Protein backbone atom coordinates (compact mmCIF):
# COMPACT_ATOMS: atom_id res chain seq x y z
CA MET A 1 150.29 105.65 60.89
CA THR A 2 151.17 102.05 61.79
CA LYS A 3 148.49 99.47 61.01
CA THR A 4 146.86 98.22 64.18
CA VAL A 5 146.66 94.41 64.53
CA MET A 6 143.08 93.88 65.58
CA ASN A 7 139.64 92.92 64.37
CA TYR A 8 136.67 94.79 65.68
CA CYS A 9 133.14 93.36 65.68
CA LEU A 10 130.45 95.70 64.26
CA THR A 11 127.44 93.72 65.54
CA PRO A 12 125.32 96.09 67.71
CA GLY A 13 125.28 94.93 71.32
CA CYS A 14 128.34 92.73 71.10
CA PHE A 15 129.85 92.58 74.63
CA LYS A 16 133.46 91.96 73.59
CA PRO A 17 133.98 93.42 70.11
CA HIS A 18 137.80 93.30 70.24
CA ASN A 19 139.25 90.27 68.48
CA PRO A 20 142.79 89.12 67.50
CA ASP A 21 144.11 89.67 63.98
CA SER A 22 143.71 85.96 63.15
CA ALA A 23 140.01 85.86 63.95
CA ARG A 24 137.51 85.70 61.10
CA PHE A 25 134.47 85.35 63.32
CA CYS A 26 133.86 87.29 66.59
CA TYR A 27 134.88 85.26 69.61
CA SER A 28 132.04 86.82 71.62
CA CYS A 29 128.99 86.76 69.33
CA GLY A 30 130.10 84.61 66.41
CA SER A 31 129.43 87.25 63.76
CA LYS A 32 131.51 87.48 60.58
CA LEU A 33 134.12 90.17 61.05
CA LEU A 34 134.93 91.26 57.51
CA LEU A 35 132.41 93.37 55.65
CA LYS A 36 131.79 92.18 52.07
CA ASP A 37 134.78 89.80 52.71
CA ARG A 38 137.01 92.85 52.20
CA TYR A 39 136.79 95.62 54.80
CA ARG A 40 138.31 94.78 58.20
CA PRO A 41 137.19 97.09 61.02
CA ILE A 42 139.97 97.71 63.56
CA GLN A 43 138.74 100.37 65.97
CA PRO A 44 135.78 102.76 66.56
CA LEU A 45 136.23 106.45 65.67
CA GLY A 46 133.03 107.94 66.94
CA ARG A 47 129.27 107.85 66.99
CA GLY A 48 126.32 110.19 66.34
CA GLY A 49 122.59 110.12 66.55
CA PHE A 50 122.19 107.92 63.45
CA GLY A 51 125.23 105.68 63.39
CA LYS A 52 128.81 104.80 64.28
CA THR A 53 132.15 105.34 62.54
CA PHE A 54 135.07 102.89 62.46
CA LEU A 55 138.60 102.86 61.12
CA ALA A 56 139.14 99.92 58.80
CA VAL A 57 141.63 98.32 56.38
CA ASP A 58 140.79 97.47 52.79
CA GLU A 59 142.16 93.92 52.48
CA ASP A 60 141.58 93.75 48.70
CA ILE A 61 144.22 96.34 47.84
CA PRO A 62 147.90 95.20 48.05
CA ASP A 63 149.13 98.00 50.40
CA LYS A 64 146.02 97.53 52.54
CA PRO A 65 145.08 101.23 52.88
CA TYR A 66 142.92 102.62 55.63
CA CYS A 67 139.31 103.47 55.00
CA VAL A 68 136.35 104.59 57.08
CA ILE A 69 133.23 102.55 57.77
CA LYS A 70 129.98 104.38 58.59
CA GLN A 71 127.34 102.10 60.06
CA LEU A 72 123.74 103.36 60.05
CA TYR A 73 121.76 101.59 62.74
CA LEU A 74 117.99 101.53 62.71
CA GLU A 75 116.44 100.91 66.10
CA ASN A 76 112.82 101.33 64.95
CA PRO A 77 111.41 97.81 64.49
CA ASP A 78 108.66 98.97 62.16
CA ILE A 79 109.14 97.21 58.75
CA GLY A 80 107.73 100.16 56.82
CA PHE A 81 110.13 102.56 58.52
CA ARG A 82 113.12 100.34 57.80
CA GLU A 83 112.14 100.01 54.17
CA LYS A 84 111.75 103.75 53.74
CA ALA A 85 115.05 104.40 55.57
CA THR A 86 116.86 101.91 53.38
CA GLU A 87 115.42 103.52 50.24
CA LEU A 88 116.57 106.96 51.39
CA PHE A 89 119.97 105.55 52.31
CA TYR A 90 120.61 104.35 48.78
CA GLN A 91 119.35 107.61 47.33
CA GLU A 92 121.69 109.60 49.55
CA ALA A 93 124.60 107.26 48.83
CA VAL A 94 124.30 108.16 45.13
CA ARG A 95 124.43 111.87 45.97
CA LEU A 96 127.37 111.36 48.33
CA GLY A 97 129.16 109.50 45.55
CA GLU A 98 128.76 112.56 43.35
CA LEU A 99 129.99 114.89 46.09
CA GLY A 100 132.99 112.68 46.74
CA LYS A 101 134.46 113.60 43.36
CA HIS A 102 135.47 116.95 44.92
CA PRO A 103 139.06 116.85 46.26
CA GLN A 104 137.96 118.35 49.58
CA ILE A 105 135.34 115.68 50.31
CA PRO A 106 136.22 112.06 51.14
CA THR A 107 135.62 109.69 48.22
CA LEU A 108 132.71 107.25 48.65
CA LEU A 109 134.19 103.75 47.99
CA ALA A 110 131.14 101.57 48.55
CA HIS A 111 127.68 101.33 50.06
CA PHE A 112 125.74 98.19 50.91
CA GLN A 113 123.56 96.36 53.37
CA GLN A 114 124.85 93.45 55.51
CA ASN A 115 123.21 91.68 58.43
CA ARG A 116 120.33 94.20 58.31
CA GLN A 117 122.77 97.07 58.82
CA LEU A 118 123.51 99.80 56.30
CA TYR A 119 127.12 100.75 55.55
CA LEU A 120 129.10 103.47 53.76
CA ILE A 121 132.77 102.96 53.02
CA GLN A 122 134.70 106.20 52.56
CA GLU A 123 138.25 107.35 51.96
CA TRP A 124 140.28 107.82 55.13
CA VAL A 125 141.90 111.31 55.14
CA ALA A 126 145.32 111.50 56.86
CA GLY A 127 145.73 114.68 58.87
CA ASP A 128 144.62 116.51 62.02
CA THR A 129 141.20 118.06 62.53
CA LEU A 130 141.01 121.78 63.25
CA GLN A 131 139.97 120.87 66.81
CA GLN A 132 143.23 118.92 67.20
CA GLU A 133 145.19 121.83 65.68
CA LEU A 134 143.55 124.19 68.19
CA GLN A 135 144.57 122.04 71.11
CA GLN A 136 148.13 121.64 69.82
CA THR A 137 148.96 125.18 68.65
CA GLY A 138 146.43 127.51 70.27
CA SER A 139 144.12 130.15 68.83
CA TYR A 140 144.00 131.11 65.21
CA ASN A 141 144.91 134.61 64.09
CA GLU A 142 143.03 136.71 61.53
CA ALA A 143 145.16 135.60 58.59
CA GLN A 144 144.39 131.92 59.38
CA ILE A 145 140.65 132.64 59.52
CA TRP A 146 140.79 134.43 56.16
CA GLU A 147 142.61 131.45 54.69
CA LEU A 148 140.08 129.04 56.20
CA LEU A 149 137.06 130.95 54.79
CA GLN A 150 138.67 131.26 51.36
CA ASP A 151 139.28 127.51 51.40
CA LEU A 152 135.88 126.32 52.73
CA LEU A 153 133.37 128.75 51.21
CA PRO A 154 133.84 127.47 47.59
CA LEU A 155 133.42 123.97 48.99
CA LEU A 156 130.12 124.93 50.66
CA GLU A 157 129.02 126.59 47.44
CA TYR A 158 129.73 123.30 45.70
CA ILE A 159 127.77 121.05 48.12
CA HIS A 160 124.83 123.48 48.27
CA ALA A 161 124.72 123.58 44.46
CA HIS A 162 124.29 119.78 44.69
CA ARG A 163 121.27 120.37 46.99
CA VAL A 164 122.98 118.96 50.04
CA ILE A 165 123.22 120.51 53.51
CA HIS A 166 126.01 119.21 55.74
CA ARG A 167 124.35 120.17 59.04
CA ASP A 168 127.33 119.47 61.28
CA ILE A 169 130.10 121.88 60.45
CA LYS A 170 132.50 122.30 63.36
CA PRO A 171 136.29 122.08 63.96
CA ALA A 172 136.16 118.38 64.63
CA ASN A 173 134.65 117.75 61.19
CA ILE A 174 137.28 119.65 59.23
CA ILE A 175 140.63 117.93 58.54
CA ARG A 176 143.74 119.53 57.11
CA ARG A 177 144.99 116.97 54.59
CA GLN A 178 148.51 115.92 55.52
CA ASP A 179 149.97 115.80 52.03
CA ASN A 180 148.86 119.23 50.67
CA GLY A 181 147.41 121.19 53.58
CA LYS A 182 143.95 121.56 51.98
CA LEU A 183 140.90 121.50 54.25
CA VAL A 184 138.58 118.49 53.88
CA LEU A 185 135.00 118.45 55.17
CA ILE A 186 134.11 115.11 56.68
CA ASP A 187 131.15 113.38 58.31
CA PHE A 188 128.54 113.64 55.56
CA GLY A 189 126.83 110.72 57.23
CA VAL A 190 124.15 113.05 58.62
CA ALA A 191 123.83 115.15 55.40
CA LYS A 192 120.31 115.54 54.10
CA LEU A 193 119.22 116.19 50.54
CA LEU A 194 118.22 119.80 50.05
CA THR A 195 114.85 119.08 48.52
CA ASP A 196 111.78 121.32 48.50
CA SER A 197 109.93 118.86 50.72
CA ALA A 198 112.76 118.91 53.28
CA LEU A 199 112.66 122.69 53.39
CA LEU A 200 108.94 122.81 53.99
CA GLN A 201 108.74 120.16 56.72
CA THR A 202 110.04 120.27 60.30
CA GLY A 203 112.23 117.25 60.88
CA THR A 204 114.76 116.00 63.40
CA ALA A 205 117.46 118.42 64.60
CA ILE A 206 120.74 116.92 63.44
CA GLY A 207 124.19 118.25 64.35
CA THR A 208 126.07 119.64 67.34
CA PRO A 209 123.85 122.07 69.31
CA GLU A 210 126.52 124.65 70.18
CA TYR A 211 127.30 125.17 66.48
CA MET A 212 123.72 124.96 65.20
CA ALA A 213 121.65 127.81 63.76
CA PRO A 214 118.33 128.60 65.54
CA GLU A 215 116.20 127.21 62.69
CA GLN A 216 118.30 124.00 62.70
CA LEU A 217 117.62 123.51 66.39
CA ARG A 218 113.91 123.48 65.43
CA GLY A 219 114.53 120.74 62.88
CA LYS A 220 114.67 122.90 59.74
CA ALA A 221 117.92 123.68 57.93
CA CYS A 222 119.02 125.43 54.74
CA ALA A 223 122.30 126.60 53.13
CA ALA A 224 122.43 129.58 55.53
CA SER A 225 122.44 127.12 58.47
CA ASP A 226 125.77 125.67 57.31
CA LEU A 227 127.14 129.24 56.98
CA TYR A 228 126.02 130.00 60.53
CA SER A 229 127.94 126.94 61.79
CA LEU A 230 130.99 128.07 59.83
CA GLY A 231 130.83 131.46 61.58
CA VAL A 232 130.64 129.79 65.01
CA THR A 233 133.58 127.58 64.02
CA CYS A 234 135.63 130.69 63.23
CA ILE A 235 134.98 132.43 66.55
CA HIS A 236 135.80 129.23 68.43
CA LEU A 237 139.12 129.00 66.56
CA LEU A 238 139.84 132.68 67.31
CA THR A 239 139.13 132.42 71.04
CA GLN A 240 139.46 128.76 71.97
CA VAL A 241 136.37 129.35 74.10
CA PRO A 242 133.33 126.99 73.93
CA PRO A 243 130.73 128.68 71.67
CA LEU A 244 127.86 128.70 74.19
CA ASP A 245 130.05 130.63 76.68
CA MET A 246 130.27 133.45 74.10
CA PHE A 247 126.53 133.82 73.59
CA ASP A 248 124.68 136.43 75.69
CA SER A 249 121.31 134.76 76.25
CA ILE A 250 119.98 137.88 78.02
CA ASN A 251 120.45 140.09 74.96
CA ASP A 252 120.20 137.22 72.46
CA CYS A 253 123.47 137.99 70.70
CA TRP A 254 127.09 136.79 70.35
CA VAL A 255 129.74 138.63 72.44
CA TRP A 256 132.78 136.84 71.01
CA ARG A 257 134.85 140.08 70.84
CA ASP A 258 134.96 140.11 74.64
CA PHE A 259 136.97 136.89 74.52
CA LEU A 260 139.72 138.03 72.11
CA LEU A 261 143.08 138.20 73.85
CA PRO A 262 145.62 140.94 73.13
CA GLY A 263 147.41 140.07 69.84
CA PHE A 264 144.39 138.22 68.50
CA GLU A 265 142.20 141.19 67.52
CA VAL A 266 140.51 141.13 64.12
CA SER A 267 139.83 143.79 61.51
CA ASN A 268 136.43 145.47 61.27
CA HIS A 269 136.05 143.89 57.86
CA LEU A 270 136.32 140.31 59.09
CA ALA A 271 134.33 141.03 62.26
CA ARG A 272 131.39 142.32 60.18
CA VAL A 273 131.44 139.21 58.03
CA LEU A 274 131.52 136.89 61.08
CA ASP A 275 128.69 138.86 62.75
CA LYS A 276 126.46 138.57 59.66
CA LEU A 277 127.21 134.83 59.36
CA MET A 278 125.82 134.36 62.88
CA LEU A 279 122.79 136.68 62.94
CA ASN A 280 119.83 134.94 64.55
CA PRO A 281 117.14 136.11 62.03
CA LEU A 282 117.54 133.93 58.98
CA LYS A 283 116.56 136.64 56.51
CA GLN A 284 119.31 138.98 57.80
CA ARG A 285 122.02 136.37 57.39
CA TYR A 286 124.10 135.52 54.34
CA GLN A 287 121.99 133.24 52.13
CA SER A 288 124.77 131.69 50.08
CA ALA A 289 128.50 131.02 50.23
CA LYS A 290 128.90 133.18 47.14
CA GLN A 291 127.55 136.19 49.05
CA VAL A 292 130.09 135.61 51.84
CA LEU A 293 132.92 135.37 49.32
CA GLN A 294 131.82 138.63 47.72
CA SER A 295 131.89 140.35 51.11
CA LEU A 296 135.29 138.91 51.90
CA ASN A 297 136.72 140.02 48.57
CA SER A 298 135.22 143.48 48.66
CA THR A 299 138.71 144.64 49.69
CA SER A 300 141.89 142.87 48.66
CA ALA A 301 143.24 142.48 52.17
CA PRO A 302 142.21 143.12 55.81
CA THR A 303 143.79 146.58 55.95
CA GLN A 304 141.19 148.27 58.11
CA PRO A 305 142.04 149.13 61.77
CA LEU A 306 141.97 146.23 64.12
CA ILE A 307 139.20 146.04 66.72
CA GLN A 308 140.65 146.94 70.08
CA PRO A 309 138.84 146.63 73.41
CA THR A 310 136.75 149.73 73.95
CA ALA A 311 137.04 151.77 77.11
CA SER A 312 133.98 150.12 78.56
CA LYS A 313 135.46 146.66 77.92
CA VAL A 314 138.68 147.63 79.63
CA LYS A 315 136.75 148.87 82.63
CA LEU A 316 134.98 145.48 82.77
CA TRP A 317 138.00 144.09 84.55
CA LYS A 318 138.45 146.96 87.09
CA PRO A 319 135.07 148.20 88.28
CA LYS A 320 134.50 149.72 91.73
CA ILE A 321 131.04 148.69 92.78
CA SER A 322 129.35 150.82 95.39
CA VAL A 323 125.92 151.89 96.45
CA ALA A 324 126.41 155.27 94.82
CA GLN A 325 127.62 154.01 91.45
CA PRO A 326 126.43 150.62 90.14
CA VAL A 327 128.36 149.34 87.10
CA ILE A 328 126.62 148.64 83.81
CA LEU A 329 128.28 145.68 82.05
CA PRO A 330 128.51 145.39 78.28
CA HIS A 331 125.58 143.37 76.91
CA ALA A 332 123.88 143.15 80.32
CA GLU A 333 121.45 144.96 82.55
CA PRO A 334 122.63 147.12 85.48
CA THR A 335 124.08 144.97 88.25
CA LEU A 336 122.88 145.14 91.83
CA ALA A 337 124.83 147.55 94.05
CA LEU A 338 127.03 146.05 96.74
CA GLU A 339 128.27 147.65 99.91
CA ALA A 340 131.79 146.22 99.43
CA ASP A 341 134.17 147.59 96.79
CA ILE A 342 135.15 144.80 94.44
CA ASP A 343 138.33 145.25 92.40
CA TYR A 344 138.86 142.73 89.62
CA THR A 345 142.35 143.94 88.72
CA ILE A 346 144.20 141.37 90.85
CA ILE A 347 142.47 138.25 89.51
CA HIS A 348 142.57 139.69 86.00
CA ASN A 349 146.34 140.17 86.13
CA LEU A 350 146.93 136.78 87.75
CA LEU A 351 144.99 134.99 85.02
CA VAL A 352 146.71 136.97 82.25
CA LYS A 353 150.06 135.83 83.66
CA LYS A 354 148.72 132.23 84.02
CA LYS A 355 149.35 132.21 87.76
CA TRP A 356 146.61 129.65 88.26
CA LYS A 357 147.34 128.87 91.93
CA GLU A 358 147.26 132.48 93.00
CA ALA A 359 144.13 133.10 90.89
CA ASP A 360 142.46 130.10 92.57
CA GLN A 361 143.12 131.62 95.98
CA GLN A 362 142.02 135.05 94.84
CA THR A 363 138.74 133.55 93.59
CA TRP A 364 138.01 132.20 97.08
CA ASP A 365 138.85 135.54 98.64
CA MET A 366 136.52 137.33 96.21
CA LEU A 367 133.66 134.96 96.87
CA CYS A 368 134.05 135.69 100.59
CA GLN A 369 134.16 139.41 99.90
CA LEU A 370 131.02 139.27 97.78
CA LEU A 371 129.23 137.75 100.78
CA SER A 372 130.83 140.17 103.28
CA LYS A 373 132.69 137.26 104.92
CA ASN A 374 136.24 137.12 106.21
CA PRO A 375 138.87 135.50 103.93
CA GLY A 376 139.03 131.75 104.39
CA TYR A 377 135.27 131.43 105.10
CA TYR A 378 133.88 128.13 103.79
CA LEU A 379 130.78 128.78 101.60
CA LYS A 380 127.68 126.73 102.26
CA ASN A 381 124.92 125.95 99.80
CA ASP A 382 122.83 128.86 101.08
CA ASP A 383 125.80 131.16 100.46
CA ILE A 384 126.08 130.02 96.86
CA ARG A 385 122.41 130.93 96.32
CA ASN A 386 123.10 134.41 97.68
CA LEU A 387 126.09 135.23 95.47
CA PRO A 388 125.47 138.27 93.30
CA SER A 389 124.68 137.09 89.78
CA GLN A 390 126.65 139.57 87.70
CA GLU A 391 129.74 139.32 89.88
CA LEU A 392 129.72 135.49 89.75
CA LEU A 393 129.37 135.64 85.98
CA ARG A 394 132.23 138.15 85.69
CA ILE A 395 134.59 135.97 87.66
CA ASP A 396 133.56 132.98 85.55
CA GLN A 397 134.10 134.95 82.36
CA LEU A 398 137.65 135.85 83.39
CA TRP A 399 138.53 132.21 84.05
CA ILE A 400 137.02 131.05 80.75
CA LYS A 401 138.68 133.80 78.71
CA TYR A 402 142.26 133.40 79.97
CA SER A 403 142.19 129.58 80.16
CA ARG A 404 140.84 129.41 76.61
CA GLY A 405 137.65 127.81 77.83
CA ARG A 406 139.47 125.15 79.92
CA PHE A 407 138.63 126.39 83.43
CA GLY A 408 135.68 128.15 85.05
CA PHE A 409 132.54 127.59 87.09
CA SER A 410 130.42 127.24 83.98
CA VAL A 411 132.81 124.61 82.57
CA GLN A 412 132.30 122.63 85.74
CA ALA A 413 128.55 123.13 85.55
CA ARG A 414 128.50 121.84 81.98
CA ILE A 415 130.40 118.71 82.98
CA TYR A 416 128.06 118.26 85.99
CA GLU A 417 125.14 118.19 83.58
CA GLU A 418 126.98 115.84 81.20
CA VAL A 419 127.46 113.26 83.99
CA GLY A 420 123.80 113.53 84.99
CA GLY A 421 124.51 115.21 88.34
CA ASP A 422 126.53 112.25 89.59
CA TYR A 423 129.11 113.72 91.96
CA PRO A 424 131.67 110.85 91.89
CA SER A 425 131.64 111.02 88.06
CA LEU A 426 132.12 114.76 88.22
CA CYS A 427 135.14 114.44 90.52
CA ASN A 428 136.63 111.80 88.23
CA ARG A 429 136.27 114.13 85.22
CA LEU A 430 137.63 117.20 87.07
CA GLY A 431 140.52 115.34 88.75
CA TRP A 432 139.26 116.09 92.29
CA PRO A 433 139.40 113.67 95.22
CA LEU A 434 135.93 112.36 96.12
CA HIS A 435 135.84 112.38 99.90
CA GLN A 436 137.52 115.64 100.96
CA ALA A 437 135.50 118.80 100.99
CA SER A 438 138.61 121.00 100.92
CA VAL A 439 141.12 119.96 98.29
CA PRO A 440 144.76 120.52 99.41
CA ASP A 441 147.24 122.15 97.02
CA SER A 442 149.15 118.87 96.80
CA GLN A 443 146.21 117.28 95.01
CA LEU A 444 145.69 120.10 92.51
CA LYS A 445 147.35 120.88 89.19
CA PHE A 446 147.94 124.55 88.52
CA ASN A 447 148.66 124.41 84.79
CA LEU A 448 146.78 123.96 81.49
CA LYS A 449 147.56 120.23 81.51
CA ALA A 450 145.07 119.81 84.36
CA PRO A 451 141.76 118.18 83.45
CA VAL A 452 139.15 120.43 81.88
CA GLY A 453 137.17 122.11 84.67
CA HIS A 454 139.89 121.36 87.31
CA LEU A 455 139.99 125.02 88.37
CA PRO A 456 138.74 126.96 90.24
CA SER A 457 139.16 124.29 92.90
CA ARG A 458 136.50 123.50 95.48
CA ARG A 459 138.69 124.63 98.41
CA TRP A 460 136.07 127.23 99.29
CA VAL A 461 133.32 124.63 99.83
CA GLY A 462 131.99 123.85 103.31
CA GLY A 463 128.87 122.84 105.19
CA PHE A 464 127.16 119.60 106.07
CA ASN A 465 126.03 118.80 102.51
CA TRP A 466 129.19 120.14 100.91
CA TRP A 467 129.07 117.70 97.92
CA ARG A 468 125.90 119.44 96.66
CA HIS A 469 127.90 122.57 95.79
CA ALA A 470 128.24 121.51 92.14
CA GLY A 471 124.50 121.33 91.69
CA GLU A 472 124.03 124.65 93.50
CA ILE A 473 126.61 126.39 91.28
CA ALA A 474 125.07 124.92 88.14
CA ALA A 475 121.60 126.08 89.24
CA LYS A 476 122.92 129.52 90.23
CA LEU A 477 124.64 130.06 86.91
CA GLY A 478 121.45 129.08 85.12
CA GLN A 479 119.50 131.65 87.18
CA CYS A 480 122.12 134.30 86.50
CA ARG A 481 121.91 133.87 82.76
CA ALA A 482 118.12 133.79 82.80
CA LEU A 483 117.78 137.17 84.58
CA PRO A 484 115.93 139.76 82.49
């Protein structure tokens, strides 16, 4: 990695933090740029609920190696709060220093306070995160998941023995070290000491919601919470589907098996381990990394028969829905009967073959059929509200499954919520033109390089207030998943 020639100002609220290499003070706010006259920030890496992370250069060492700066910012003006937070910061830094002696945890290089901000300086680990690997090479197979668990579980056993909970285990926080291929767990900036008082009190929920255990969402976490997040990490790597899209909120359970593609099935042995990692009731879950390792090693290798789609799962893609014979979906209540016969074989086969353009057209045709309309009918907002819930969810599930979570109505709905319901921002994220209700083929990309949520396109949208379709779809999907 070539050293970037830049200085980056760490002062909160600085309007122009980028500065030339020669600068020693920020051209915008006048703040000193080097921390401790040694660490030169060059670019931001990310931010969380409690701080920001920056890539930096250690100017005191001859080869000027990279390091990572973690800045803890305290917005609460109360002096007592700041003093308590500072005291806890120094306590935690000592614990992180101890953890950093493990080869799979970044070394803590320094911790200090400067300009009323708290800082941690940690080793920079060269390599790709598992999230980057997933994007570059696609889904993991069973052998890779076994290797991952065998590599990370002893590490979790180590940190939990030191009375620390990580609280934010996910693919983006696991790096494969470039020089030896070992997995390194990063972002201990939000780690909390595993003290008795912490276990007995409800605190702030810290972490990434789609990977968090139920008790962690309520502000309480324990060792089993990290193991839950590890299980969710595994099913995301196996399917490449966003975790929340694999959770059946109606039946309160994970349905990740439904998203495994042919060739990516897993053994019953591994599947049982993953299921137990992610059980909602805390008492039924694995309580320690050692217990998981014992389950994994109960047989020397995954030799049991692979899980194949059951007959009911195969029929999921080709049901004939009629008044006389409603279809019962796996993990769902009986669907409403429709007068029209709906065959999902065509769209299923198109998506399997990655014929995105044809699948996009077929989606429009199916939406029309579900409403007993002629092909080419433009759906209005009232039509969206009248779409049959289970059928809309089934179409969405097919798109999510075969695009590896990249395309689908629920992907679009999630982005709509992320941009606060702002339609121009949504169009910018999805790669859609803003002012045309019907998007012509020439302005669409029918491949996996298209922006996330780009497909299905909005060619089926019509009506006077056509731009409200995104909000209607998001609301409809929410209602569908909330049905008893």
